[in-house]
Amino acid sequence: MRRLLLRLEDARPLDRIAGVLGRAAGATVARGRLGPALHGSWFGHPLHPAVVQFPIGAWLSAAVLDALPERDDPAIRRATTVLLGAGTAAALPAVATGGSDFTALTARQRRVAVVHAAANVVAVKLFAVSVLARMGGAHRAGRLLSLAGLGLAGASAYLGGHLAYSQGAGVEATLPPVAARAPEPAAARH
């Protein structure tokens, strides 16, 4: 997997797409005071990792309900559809915060972020179509669509983790390392 991620980081053909996305983000979500607010300046660290928890949690919860033997109960079906719809709607703030963060990435980070964003766009579309299918009575198709969306969102989350943990996206370089800022444990002071 590491070799695949390194190839993705070096995939210069993605630079053109990254440029288009960077200009679009710079002209919209990263503009003026909105950019720092969406990035999470007021929060003390990037907001995107925190914001994505709601859609992912809603989609995972829907998958749990889909796995229940009682999944065909009308109340369970309604709850599952509501969770999928709520998660899909909550993806909008995740897109905005991610777009704001995108403008501060290096070229290698942007290449990974382009694939991360593309996978998320497709996953959100799968979830939205799942909601529509369920509302139209096609619950089996809705389950399959949301399962595909969850798989793609999971793969995309892996790329997001790579961006943050391996590539250091969003890490504030001017702050000392966390270990240097953390208070010494009480046991070590004695």
N, C-alpha and C. Protein backbone atom coordinates (compact mmCIF):
# COMPACT_ATOMS: atom_id res chain seq x y z
N MET A 1 0.82 -1.18 0.00
CA MET A 1 0.00 0.00 0.00
C MET A 1 0.87 1.26 0.00
N ARG A 2 1.96 1.19 0.75
CA ARG A 2 2.87 2.35 0.81
C ARG A 2 3.38 2.72 -0.57
N ARG A 3 3.71 1.72 -1.37
CA ARG A 3 4.23 1.97 -2.73
C ARG A 3 3.15 2.66 -3.58
N LEU A 4 1.91 2.23 -3.44
CA LEU A 4 0.80 2.84 -4.18
C LEU A 4 0.61 4.31 -3.77
N LEU A 5 0.71 4.58 -2.48
CA LEU A 5 0.57 5.96 -2.00
C LEU A 5 1.71 6.85 -2.50
N LEU A 6 2.92 6.30 -2.54
CA LEU A 6 4.05 7.08 -3.05
C LEU A 6 3.87 7.38 -4.54
N ARG A 7 3.34 6.42 -5.28
CA ARG A 7 3.06 6.66 -6.71
C ARG A 7 2.00 7.74 -6.87
N LEU A 8 1.00 7.72 -6.00
CA LEU A 8 -0.03 8.75 -6.04
C LEU A 8 0.56 10.12 -5.74
N GLU A 9 1.42 10.20 -4.74
CA GLU A 9 2.07 11.47 -4.40
C GLU A 9 2.89 12.02 -5.57
N ASP A 10 3.44 11.13 -6.39
CA ASP A 10 4.28 11.53 -7.52
C ASP A 10 3.51 11.68 -8.83
N ALA A 11 2.19 11.48 -8.83
CA ALA A 11 1.37 11.49 -10.05
C ALA A 11 1.15 12.92 -10.55
N ARG A 12 2.14 13.43 -11.27
CA ARG A 12 2.08 14.81 -11.77
C ARG A 12 0.88 15.10 -12.68
N PRO A 13 0.31 14.13 -13.39
CA PRO A 13 -0.88 14.44 -14.19
C PRO A 13 -2.05 14.99 -13.35
N LEU A 14 -2.04 14.73 -12.05
CA LEU A 14 -3.10 15.25 -11.19
C LEU A 14 -2.92 16.74 -10.88
N ASP A 15 -1.75 17.29 -11.22
CA ASP A 15 -1.48 18.69 -10.90
C ASP A 15 -2.44 19.65 -11.59
N ARG A 16 -2.86 19.33 -12.81
CA ARG A 16 -3.78 20.22 -13.52
C ARG A 16 -5.13 20.26 -12.81
N ILE A 17 -5.62 19.09 -12.42
CA ILE A 17 -6.89 19.02 -11.68
C ILE A 17 -6.74 19.74 -10.34
N ALA A 18 -5.60 19.52 -9.68
CA ALA A 18 -5.35 20.18 -8.39
C ALA A 18 -5.33 21.69 -8.55
N GLY A 19 -4.78 22.17 -9.65
CA GLY A 19 -4.75 23.61 -9.90
C GLY A 19 -6.16 24.18 -10.04
N VAL A 20 -7.00 23.47 -10.79
CA VAL A 20 -8.39 23.92 -10.97
C VAL A 20 -9.11 23.93 -9.62
N LEU A 21 -8.96 22.85 -8.85
CA LEU A 21 -9.61 22.77 -7.54
C LEU A 21 -9.08 23.84 -6.59
N GLY A 22 -7.78 24.07 -6.64
CA GLY A 22 -7.18 25.09 -5.78
C GLY A 22 -7.71 26.48 -6.09
N ARG A 23 -7.83 26.79 -7.38
CA ARG A 23 -8.37 28.11 -7.77
C ARG A 23 -9.83 28.23 -7.35
N ALA A 24 -10.60 27.17 -7.53
CA ALA A 24 -12.02 27.20 -7.15
C ALA A 24 -12.16 27.37 -5.64
N ALA A 25 -11.37 26.64 -4.88
CA ALA A 25 -11.42 26.75 -3.41
C ALA A 25 -10.97 28.14 -2.97
N GLY A 26 -9.93 28.64 -3.61
CA GLY A 26 -9.43 29.97 -3.25
C GLY A 26 -10.44 31.07 -3.53
N ALA A 27 -11.26 30.88 -4.57
CA ALA A 27 -12.26 31.88 -4.93
C ALA A 27 -13.55 31.75 -4.14
N THR A 28 -13.71 30.64 -3.42
CA THR A 28 -14.97 30.42 -2.70
C THR A 28 -14.73 30.25 -1.21
N VAL A 29 -14.43 29.04 -0.77
CA VAL A 29 -14.37 28.73 0.66
C VAL A 29 -13.13 29.25 1.37
N ALA A 30 -12.08 29.61 0.66
CA ALA A 30 -10.87 30.08 1.33
C ALA A 30 -10.73 31.60 1.24
N ARG A 31 -11.77 32.26 0.81
CA ARG A 31 -11.73 33.69 0.57
C ARG A 31 -11.94 34.50 1.85
N GLY A 32 -11.18 35.56 2.02
CA GLY A 32 -11.37 36.50 3.13
C GLY A 32 -11.31 35.84 4.49
N ARG A 33 -12.23 36.22 5.35
CA ARG A 33 -12.27 35.67 6.71
C ARG A 33 -12.84 34.27 6.74
N LEU A 34 -13.58 33.90 5.70
CA LEU A 34 -14.19 32.58 5.66
C LEU A 34 -13.15 31.47 5.66
N GLY A 35 -12.06 31.66 4.93
CA GLY A 35 -11.03 30.64 4.83
C GLY A 35 -10.45 30.23 6.17
N PRO A 36 -9.93 31.19 6.94
CA PRO A 36 -9.40 30.83 8.26
C PRO A 36 -10.47 30.23 9.19
N ALA A 37 -11.69 30.73 9.09
CA ALA A 37 -12.77 30.19 9.94
C ALA A 37 -13.05 28.74 9.57
N LEU A 38 -13.14 28.46 8.26
CA LEU A 38 -13.39 27.08 7.83
C LEU A 38 -12.19 26.18 8.10
N HIS A 39 -11.01 26.74 8.05
CA HIS A 39 -9.82 25.95 8.35
C HIS A 39 -9.80 25.55 9.83
N GLY A 40 -10.32 26.41 10.69
CA GLY A 40 -10.38 26.10 12.11
C GLY A 40 -9.43 26.91 12.95
N SER A 41 -9.02 28.07 12.46
CA SER A 41 -8.11 28.93 13.23
C SER A 41 -8.63 29.15 14.65
N TRP A 42 -9.92 29.40 14.77
CA TRP A 42 -10.56 29.65 16.06
C TRP A 42 -10.60 28.39 16.92
N PHE A 43 -10.43 27.23 16.29
CA PHE A 43 -10.55 25.93 16.96
C PHE A 43 -9.19 25.44 17.46
N GLY A 44 -8.12 26.00 16.90
CA GLY A 44 -6.78 25.60 17.32
C GLY A 44 -6.13 24.56 16.44
N HIS A 45 -6.88 23.97 15.53
CA HIS A 45 -6.33 23.02 14.55
C HIS A 45 -7.35 22.86 13.43
N PRO A 46 -6.96 22.22 12.33
CA PRO A 46 -7.89 22.09 11.20
C PRO A 46 -9.25 21.52 11.64
N LEU A 47 -10.29 22.11 11.11
CA LEU A 47 -11.66 21.73 11.46
C LEU A 47 -12.14 20.51 10.67
N HIS A 48 -11.59 20.31 9.48
CA HIS A 48 -12.07 19.23 8.61
C HIS A 48 -12.10 17.86 9.28
N PRO A 49 -11.03 17.44 9.97
CA PRO A 49 -11.09 16.11 10.60
C PRO A 49 -12.22 15.97 11.63
N ALA A 50 -12.56 17.05 12.29
CA ALA A 50 -13.66 16.99 13.27
C ALA A 50 -15.02 16.97 12.57
N VAL A 51 -15.16 17.76 11.52
CA VAL A 51 -16.44 17.90 10.83
C VAL A 51 -16.83 16.62 10.10
N VAL A 52 -15.86 15.87 9.60
CA VAL A 52 -16.19 14.66 8.83
C VAL A 52 -16.76 13.55 9.71
N GLN A 53 -16.64 13.70 11.02
CA GLN A 53 -17.13 12.65 11.91
C GLN A 53 -18.65 12.48 11.84
N PHE A 54 -19.39 13.56 11.62
CA PHE A 54 -20.85 13.44 11.59
C PHE A 54 -21.33 12.64 10.38
N PRO A 55 -20.93 13.00 9.14
CA PRO A 55 -21.42 12.19 8.03
C PRO A 55 -20.96 10.73 8.12
N ILE A 56 -19.72 10.52 8.50
CA ILE A 56 -19.22 9.14 8.60
C ILE A 56 -20.01 8.38 9.67
N GLY A 57 -20.25 9.01 10.80
CA GLY A 57 -21.02 8.36 11.86
C GLY A 57 -22.44 8.04 11.43
N ALA A 58 -23.08 8.96 10.72
CA ALA A 58 -24.45 8.72 10.25
C ALA A 58 -24.47 7.58 9.24
N TRP A 59 -23.52 7.57 8.32
CA TRP A 59 -23.47 6.51 7.31
C TRP A 59 -23.16 5.15 7.94
N LEU A 60 -22.24 5.13 8.90
CA LEU A 60 -21.94 3.87 9.59
C LEU A 60 -23.15 3.37 10.38
N SER A 61 -23.85 4.28 11.03
CA SER A 61 -25.05 3.90 11.78
C SER A 61 -26.11 3.32 10.85
N ALA A 62 -26.26 3.92 9.68
CA ALA A 62 -27.21 3.39 8.70
C ALA A 62 -26.81 1.98 8.26
N ALA A 63 -25.52 1.75 8.10
CA ALA A 63 -25.05 0.42 7.71
C ALA A 63 -25.37 -0.61 8.79
N VAL A 64 -25.25 -0.20 10.05
CA VAL A 64 -25.60 -1.10 11.16
C VAL A 64 -27.08 -1.45 11.08
N LEU A 65 -27.92 -0.45 10.86
CA LEU A 65 -29.36 -0.72 10.75
C LEU A 65 -29.67 -1.60 9.54
N ASP A 66 -28.94 -1.39 8.45
CA ASP A 66 -29.13 -2.23 7.25
C ASP A 66 -28.74 -3.68 7.51
N ALA A 67 -27.87 -3.91 8.47
CA ALA A 67 -27.41 -5.27 8.77
C ALA A 67 -28.32 -6.00 9.74
N LEU A 68 -29.24 -5.29 10.36
CA LEU A 68 -30.15 -5.92 11.33
C LEU A 68 -31.12 -6.87 10.63
N PRO A 69 -31.48 -7.96 11.29
CA PRO A 69 -32.50 -8.85 10.71
C PRO A 69 -33.84 -8.12 10.54
N GLU A 70 -34.10 -7.12 11.38
CA GLU A 70 -35.36 -6.36 11.33
C GLU A 70 -35.30 -5.20 10.35
N ARG A 71 -34.33 -5.18 9.44
CA ARG A 71 -34.12 -4.04 8.55
C ARG A 71 -35.33 -3.71 7.67
N ASP A 72 -36.25 -4.67 7.49
CA ASP A 72 -37.42 -4.41 6.65
C ASP A 72 -38.60 -3.84 7.44
N ASP A 73 -38.43 -3.67 8.74
CA ASP A 73 -39.44 -3.01 9.56
C ASP A 73 -39.54 -1.56 9.09
N PRO A 74 -40.75 -1.04 8.87
CA PRO A 74 -40.88 0.34 8.37
C PRO A 74 -40.17 1.39 9.22
N ALA A 75 -40.16 1.23 10.54
CA ALA A 75 -39.47 2.20 11.40
C ALA A 75 -37.96 2.15 11.19
N ILE A 76 -37.41 0.96 11.03
CA ILE A 76 -35.97 0.81 10.77
C ILE A 76 -35.64 1.39 9.40
N ARG A 77 -36.48 1.12 8.42
CA ARG A 77 -36.25 1.68 7.08
C ARG A 77 -36.24 3.21 7.12
N ARG A 78 -37.20 3.79 7.82
CA ARG A 78 -37.26 5.26 7.94
C ARG A 78 -36.00 5.79 8.64
N ALA A 79 -35.64 5.16 9.73
CA ALA A 79 -34.46 5.61 10.48
C ALA A 79 -33.20 5.52 9.62
N THR A 80 -33.08 4.45 8.87
CA THR A 80 -31.91 4.28 8.01
C THR A 80 -31.86 5.37 6.94
N THR A 81 -33.01 5.63 6.33
CA THR A 81 -33.08 6.66 5.30
C THR A 81 -32.77 8.03 5.88
N VAL A 82 -33.28 8.31 7.06
CA VAL A 82 -33.00 9.60 7.72
C VAL A 82 -31.51 9.73 8.02
N LEU A 83 -30.90 8.68 8.52
CA LEU A 83 -29.46 8.72 8.80
C LEU A 83 -28.65 8.96 7.53
N LEU A 84 -29.01 8.28 6.46
CA LEU A 84 -28.29 8.47 5.19
C LEU A 84 -28.47 9.90 4.67
N GLY A 85 -29.69 10.41 4.77
CA GLY A 85 -29.94 11.78 4.33
C GLY A 85 -29.20 12.80 5.17
N ALA A 86 -29.20 12.59 6.49
CA ALA A 86 -28.50 13.51 7.39
C ALA A 86 -26.99 13.48 7.12
N GLY A 87 -26.44 12.30 6.94
CA GLY A 87 -25.01 12.18 6.64
C GLY A 87 -24.65 12.85 5.33
N THR A 88 -25.52 12.68 4.34
CA THR A 88 -25.27 13.27 3.03
C THR A 88 -25.33 14.79 3.12
N ALA A 89 -26.31 15.32 3.85
CA ALA A 89 -26.40 16.78 4.03
C ALA A 89 -25.19 17.30 4.81
N ALA A 90 -24.75 16.54 5.79
CA ALA A 90 -23.61 16.96 6.62
C ALA A 90 -22.29 16.89 5.86
N ALA A 91 -22.30 16.27 4.70
CA ALA A 91 -21.07 16.24 3.89
C ALA A 91 -20.73 17.63 3.35
N LEU A 92 -21.73 18.50 3.26
CA LEU A 92 -21.48 19.85 2.73
C LEU A 92 -20.48 20.64 3.57
N PRO A 93 -20.63 20.71 4.90
CA PRO A 93 -19.60 21.40 5.69
C PRO A 93 -18.24 20.70 5.60
N ALA A 94 -18.25 19.38 5.45
CA ALA A 94 -16.99 18.66 5.31
C ALA A 94 -16.28 19.07 4.02
N VAL A 95 -17.05 19.25 2.95
CA VAL A 95 -16.49 19.70 1.67
C VAL A 95 -15.92 21.11 1.83
N ALA A 96 -16.67 21.98 2.50
CA ALA A 96 -16.21 23.37 2.66
C ALA A 96 -14.93 23.44 3.49
N THR A 97 -14.86 22.71 4.59
CA THR A 97 -13.65 22.75 5.42
C THR A 97 -12.48 22.09 4.70
N GLY A 98 -12.75 21.02 3.98
CA GLY A 98 -11.68 20.37 3.21
C GLY A 98 -11.18 21.26 2.08
N GLY A 99 -12.10 21.98 1.44
CA GLY A 99 -11.69 22.91 0.38
C GLY A 99 -10.82 24.02 0.90
N SER A 100 -11.14 24.52 2.08
CA SER A 100 -10.32 25.56 2.69
C SER A 100 -8.92 25.02 2.99
N ASP A 101 -8.85 23.82 3.52
CA ASP A 101 -7.55 23.20 3.81
C ASP A 101 -6.75 22.95 2.53
N PHE A 102 -7.45 22.61 1.44
CA PHE A 102 -6.80 22.27 0.18
C PHE A 102 -5.88 23.38 -0.31
N THR A 103 -6.29 24.62 -0.08
CA THR A 103 -5.51 25.74 -0.60
C THR A 103 -4.13 25.87 0.04
N ALA A 104 -3.93 25.25 1.21
CA ALA A 104 -2.64 25.36 1.91
C ALA A 104 -1.75 24.14 1.69
N LEU A 105 -2.15 23.21 0.84
CA LEU A 105 -1.39 21.97 0.66
C LEU A 105 -0.24 22.13 -0.32
N THR A 106 0.77 21.29 -0.16
CA THR A 106 1.88 21.22 -1.12
C THR A 106 1.41 20.45 -2.35
N ALA A 107 2.21 20.45 -3.39
CA ALA A 107 1.85 19.73 -4.63
C ALA A 107 1.65 18.24 -4.37
N ARG A 108 2.55 17.62 -3.61
CA ARG A 108 2.41 16.18 -3.32
C ARG A 108 1.16 15.90 -2.50
N GLN A 109 0.85 16.76 -1.55
CA GLN A 109 -0.36 16.60 -0.75
C GLN A 109 -1.61 16.80 -1.60
N ARG A 110 -1.56 17.77 -2.50
CA ARG A 110 -2.72 18.04 -3.36
C ARG A 110 -3.05 16.85 -4.26
N ARG A 111 -2.04 16.15 -4.71
CA ARG A 111 -2.30 14.98 -5.57
C ARG A 111 -3.11 13.93 -4.82
N VAL A 112 -2.75 13.70 -3.58
CA VAL A 112 -3.50 12.75 -2.76
C VAL A 112 -4.89 13.32 -2.46
N ALA A 113 -4.94 14.61 -2.17
CA ALA A 113 -6.21 15.25 -1.84
C ALA A 113 -7.19 15.23 -3.01
N VAL A 114 -6.69 15.31 -4.23
CA VAL A 114 -7.56 15.24 -5.41
C VAL A 114 -8.28 13.90 -5.45
N VAL A 115 -7.55 12.82 -5.23
CA VAL A 115 -8.16 11.49 -5.24
C VAL A 115 -9.08 11.33 -4.03
N HIS A 116 -8.68 11.84 -2.88
CA HIS A 116 -9.51 11.84 -1.67
C HIS A 116 -10.84 12.54 -1.95
N ALA A 117 -10.78 13.72 -2.54
CA ALA A 117 -11.99 14.50 -2.84
C ALA A 117 -12.85 13.80 -3.88
N ALA A 118 -12.23 13.27 -4.92
CA ALA A 118 -13.00 12.59 -5.98
C ALA A 118 -13.73 11.37 -5.41
N ALA A 119 -13.05 10.60 -4.58
CA ALA A 119 -13.69 9.43 -3.97
C ALA A 119 -14.86 9.87 -3.09
N ASN A 120 -14.68 10.97 -2.37
CA ASN A 120 -15.76 11.47 -1.52
C ASN A 120 -16.96 11.95 -2.34
N VAL A 121 -16.70 12.60 -3.45
CA VAL A 121 -17.80 13.07 -4.31
C VAL A 121 -18.62 11.88 -4.80
N VAL A 122 -17.93 10.84 -5.24
CA VAL A 122 -18.65 9.64 -5.73
C VAL A 122 -19.40 8.97 -4.57
N ALA A 123 -18.76 8.89 -3.40
CA ALA A 123 -19.42 8.27 -2.25
C ALA A 123 -20.68 9.03 -1.86
N VAL A 124 -20.60 10.34 -1.82
CA VAL A 124 -21.77 11.16 -1.46
C VAL A 124 -22.88 10.96 -2.49
N LYS A 125 -22.51 10.88 -3.75
CA LYS A 125 -23.52 10.62 -4.79
C LYS A 125 -24.18 9.26 -4.59
N LEU A 126 -23.38 8.25 -4.24
CA LEU A 126 -23.95 6.92 -3.98
C LEU A 126 -24.92 6.97 -2.80
N PHE A 127 -24.57 7.69 -1.75
CA PHE A 127 -25.47 7.81 -0.61
C PHE A 127 -26.75 8.55 -1.00
N ALA A 128 -26.62 9.62 -1.78
CA ALA A 128 -27.80 10.39 -2.20
C ALA A 128 -28.72 9.53 -3.06
N VAL A 129 -28.15 8.76 -3.98
CA VAL A 129 -28.97 7.89 -4.83
C VAL A 129 -29.59 6.77 -3.98
N SER A 130 -28.87 6.33 -2.96
CA SER A 130 -29.43 5.34 -2.05
C SER A 130 -30.67 5.88 -1.35
N VAL A 131 -30.59 7.13 -0.90
CA VAL A 131 -31.75 7.75 -0.25
C VAL A 131 -32.93 7.80 -1.22
N LEU A 132 -32.66 8.23 -2.45
CA LEU A 132 -33.73 8.31 -3.45
C LEU A 132 -34.32 6.93 -3.74
N ALA A 133 -33.45 5.93 -3.85
CA ALA A 133 -33.93 4.56 -4.12
C ALA A 133 -34.82 4.08 -2.98
N ARG A 134 -34.41 4.31 -1.77
CA ARG A 134 -35.19 3.88 -0.60
C ARG A 134 -36.52 4.62 -0.54
N MET A 135 -36.49 5.91 -0.84
CA MET A 135 -37.74 6.67 -0.82
C MET A 135 -38.70 6.18 -1.90
N GLY A 136 -38.14 5.63 -2.97
CA GLY A 136 -38.96 5.07 -4.05
C GLY A 136 -39.35 3.62 -3.82
N GLY A 137 -38.96 3.06 -2.67
CA GLY A 137 -39.33 1.68 -2.35
C GLY A 137 -38.31 0.63 -2.75
N ALA A 138 -37.21 1.03 -3.37
CA ALA A 138 -36.17 0.08 -3.80
C ALA A 138 -35.14 -0.07 -2.69
N HIS A 139 -35.55 -0.73 -1.60
CA HIS A 139 -34.70 -0.81 -0.41
C HIS A 139 -33.46 -1.68 -0.62
N ARG A 140 -33.59 -2.76 -1.36
CA ARG A 140 -32.41 -3.62 -1.60
C ARG A 140 -31.36 -2.85 -2.41
N ALA A 141 -31.80 -2.17 -3.45
CA ALA A 141 -30.87 -1.36 -4.25
C ALA A 141 -30.27 -0.25 -3.37
N GLY A 142 -31.10 0.35 -2.52
CA GLY A 142 -30.60 1.39 -1.61
C GLY A 142 -29.53 0.86 -0.68
N ARG A 143 -29.73 -0.37 -0.18
CA ARG A 143 -28.70 -0.97 0.70
C ARG A 143 -27.40 -1.18 -0.06
N LEU A 144 -27.49 -1.68 -1.27
CA LEU A 144 -26.28 -1.93 -2.06
C LEU A 144 -25.56 -0.62 -2.39
N LEU A 145 -26.33 0.40 -2.74
CA LEU A 145 -25.72 1.70 -3.06
C LEU A 145 -25.02 2.30 -1.83
N SER A 146 -25.67 2.22 -0.68
CA SER A 146 -25.04 2.80 0.51
C SER A 146 -23.84 1.97 0.96
N LEU A 147 -23.88 0.67 0.75
CA LEU A 147 -22.72 -0.16 1.07
C LEU A 147 -21.53 0.20 0.17
N ALA A 148 -21.81 0.43 -1.11
CA ALA A 148 -20.74 0.86 -2.02
C ALA A 148 -20.21 2.23 -1.61
N GLY A 149 -21.12 3.13 -1.22
CA GLY A 149 -20.70 4.45 -0.76
C GLY A 149 -19.84 4.37 0.49
N LEU A 150 -20.21 3.48 1.40
CA LEU A 150 -19.44 3.33 2.64
C LEU A 150 -18.05 2.77 2.35
N GLY A 151 -17.97 1.82 1.43
CA GLY A 151 -16.65 1.29 1.06
C GLY A 151 -15.76 2.36 0.46
N LEU A 152 -16.34 3.16 -0.41
CA LEU A 152 -15.57 4.23 -1.05
C LEU A 152 -15.20 5.32 -0.03
N ALA A 153 -16.13 5.66 0.85
CA ALA A 153 -15.83 6.65 1.89
C ALA A 153 -14.72 6.14 2.82
N GLY A 154 -14.71 4.84 3.09
CA GLY A 154 -13.65 4.26 3.91
C GLY A 154 -12.29 4.35 3.24
N ALA A 155 -12.25 4.05 1.93
CA ALA A 155 -10.99 4.17 1.19
C ALA A 155 -10.53 5.63 1.17
N SER A 156 -11.48 6.54 1.01
CA SER A 156 -11.15 7.95 1.00
C SER A 156 -10.65 8.41 2.37
N ALA A 157 -11.24 7.88 3.43
CA ALA A 157 -10.78 8.21 4.78
C ALA A 157 -9.34 7.75 4.98
N TYR A 158 -9.00 6.62 4.40
CA TYR A 158 -7.61 6.14 4.47
C TYR A 158 -6.67 7.17 3.83
N LEU A 159 -7.09 7.71 2.68
CA LEU A 159 -6.28 8.74 2.02
C LEU A 159 -6.21 10.00 2.87
N GLY A 160 -7.31 10.36 3.53
CA GLY A 160 -7.30 11.51 4.43
C GLY A 160 -6.35 11.29 5.59
N GLY A 161 -6.33 10.07 6.11
CA GLY A 161 -5.38 9.74 7.18
C GLY A 161 -3.95 9.84 6.69
N HIS A 162 -3.71 9.40 5.47
CA HIS A 162 -2.37 9.51 4.89
C HIS A 162 -1.96 10.98 4.77
N LEU A 163 -2.90 11.81 4.32
CA LEU A 163 -2.62 13.24 4.21
C LEU A 163 -2.21 13.82 5.56
N ALA A 164 -2.97 13.50 6.59
CA ALA A 164 -2.71 14.09 7.91
C ALA A 164 -1.51 13.47 8.60
N TYR A 165 -1.46 12.15 8.65
CA TYR A 165 -0.45 11.49 9.47
C TYR A 165 0.87 11.23 8.76
N SER A 166 0.83 10.90 7.49
CA SER A 166 2.08 10.64 6.78
C SER A 166 2.64 11.88 6.10
N GLN A 167 1.74 12.69 5.54
CA GLN A 167 2.19 13.87 4.81
C GLN A 167 2.17 15.14 5.65
N GLY A 168 1.59 15.09 6.82
CA GLY A 168 1.58 16.25 7.69
C GLY A 168 0.69 17.38 7.23
N ALA A 169 -0.33 17.09 6.42
CA ALA A 169 -1.24 18.15 5.97
C ALA A 169 -1.96 18.74 7.17
N GLY A 170 -1.97 20.04 7.23
CA GLY A 170 -2.66 20.74 8.31
C GLY A 170 -1.84 20.90 9.58
N VAL A 171 -0.64 20.35 9.59
CA VAL A 171 0.19 20.49 10.78
C VAL A 171 0.78 21.89 10.80
N GLU A 172 0.65 22.55 11.93
CA GLU A 172 1.16 23.91 12.09
C GLU A 172 2.66 23.85 12.34
N ALA A 173 3.44 24.20 11.34
CA ALA A 173 4.90 24.08 11.42
C ALA A 173 5.53 25.07 12.39
N THR A 174 4.84 26.15 12.71
CA THR A 174 5.45 27.17 13.58
C THR A 174 5.30 26.83 15.06
N LEU A 175 4.47 25.85 15.40
CA LEU A 175 4.30 25.45 16.80
C LEU A 175 5.35 24.40 17.16
N PRO A 176 5.78 24.36 18.42
CA PRO A 176 6.69 23.28 18.82
C PRO A 176 5.94 21.96 18.80
N PRO A 177 6.64 20.83 18.70
CA PRO A 177 5.96 19.53 18.70
C PRO A 177 5.06 19.38 19.93
N VAL A 178 4.02 18.60 19.79
CA VAL A 178 3.05 18.42 20.87
C VAL A 178 3.74 17.97 22.15
N ALA A 179 4.69 17.07 22.05
CA ALA A 179 5.38 16.57 23.25
C ALA A 179 6.07 17.70 24.00
N ALA A 180 6.57 18.69 23.28
CA ALA A 180 7.25 19.81 23.92
C ALA A 180 6.27 20.75 24.62
N ARG A 181 5.01 20.75 24.16
CA ARG A 181 4.00 21.64 24.74
C ARG A 181 3.22 20.96 25.86
N ALA A 182 3.26 19.63 25.93
CA ALA A 182 2.46 18.89 26.91
C ALA A 182 3.07 19.03 28.30
N PRO A 183 2.22 19.17 29.31
CA PRO A 183 2.76 19.26 30.67
C PRO A 183 3.38 17.92 31.08
N GLU A 184 4.36 18.01 31.92
CA GLU A 184 5.03 16.81 32.41
C GLU A 184 4.07 16.06 33.32
N PRO A 185 3.96 14.72 33.16
CA PRO A 185 3.07 13.95 34.04
C PRO A 185 3.47 14.13 35.51
N ALA A 186 2.48 14.13 36.40
CA ALA A 186 2.71 14.34 37.83
C ALA A 186 3.70 13.34 38.38
N ALA A 187 3.64 12.09 37.95
CA ALA A 187 4.53 11.04 38.46
C ALA A 187 5.99 11.34 38.12
N ALA A 188 6.24 12.00 37.00
CA ALA A 188 7.62 12.30 36.58
C ALA A 188 8.21 13.48 37.34
N ARG A 189 7.36 14.30 37.96
CA ARG A 189 7.83 15.49 38.69
C ARG A 189 8.39 15.14 40.05
N HIS A 190 8.09 14.00 40.60
CA HIS A 190 8.53 13.63 41.96
C HIS A 190 9.85 12.94 41.95
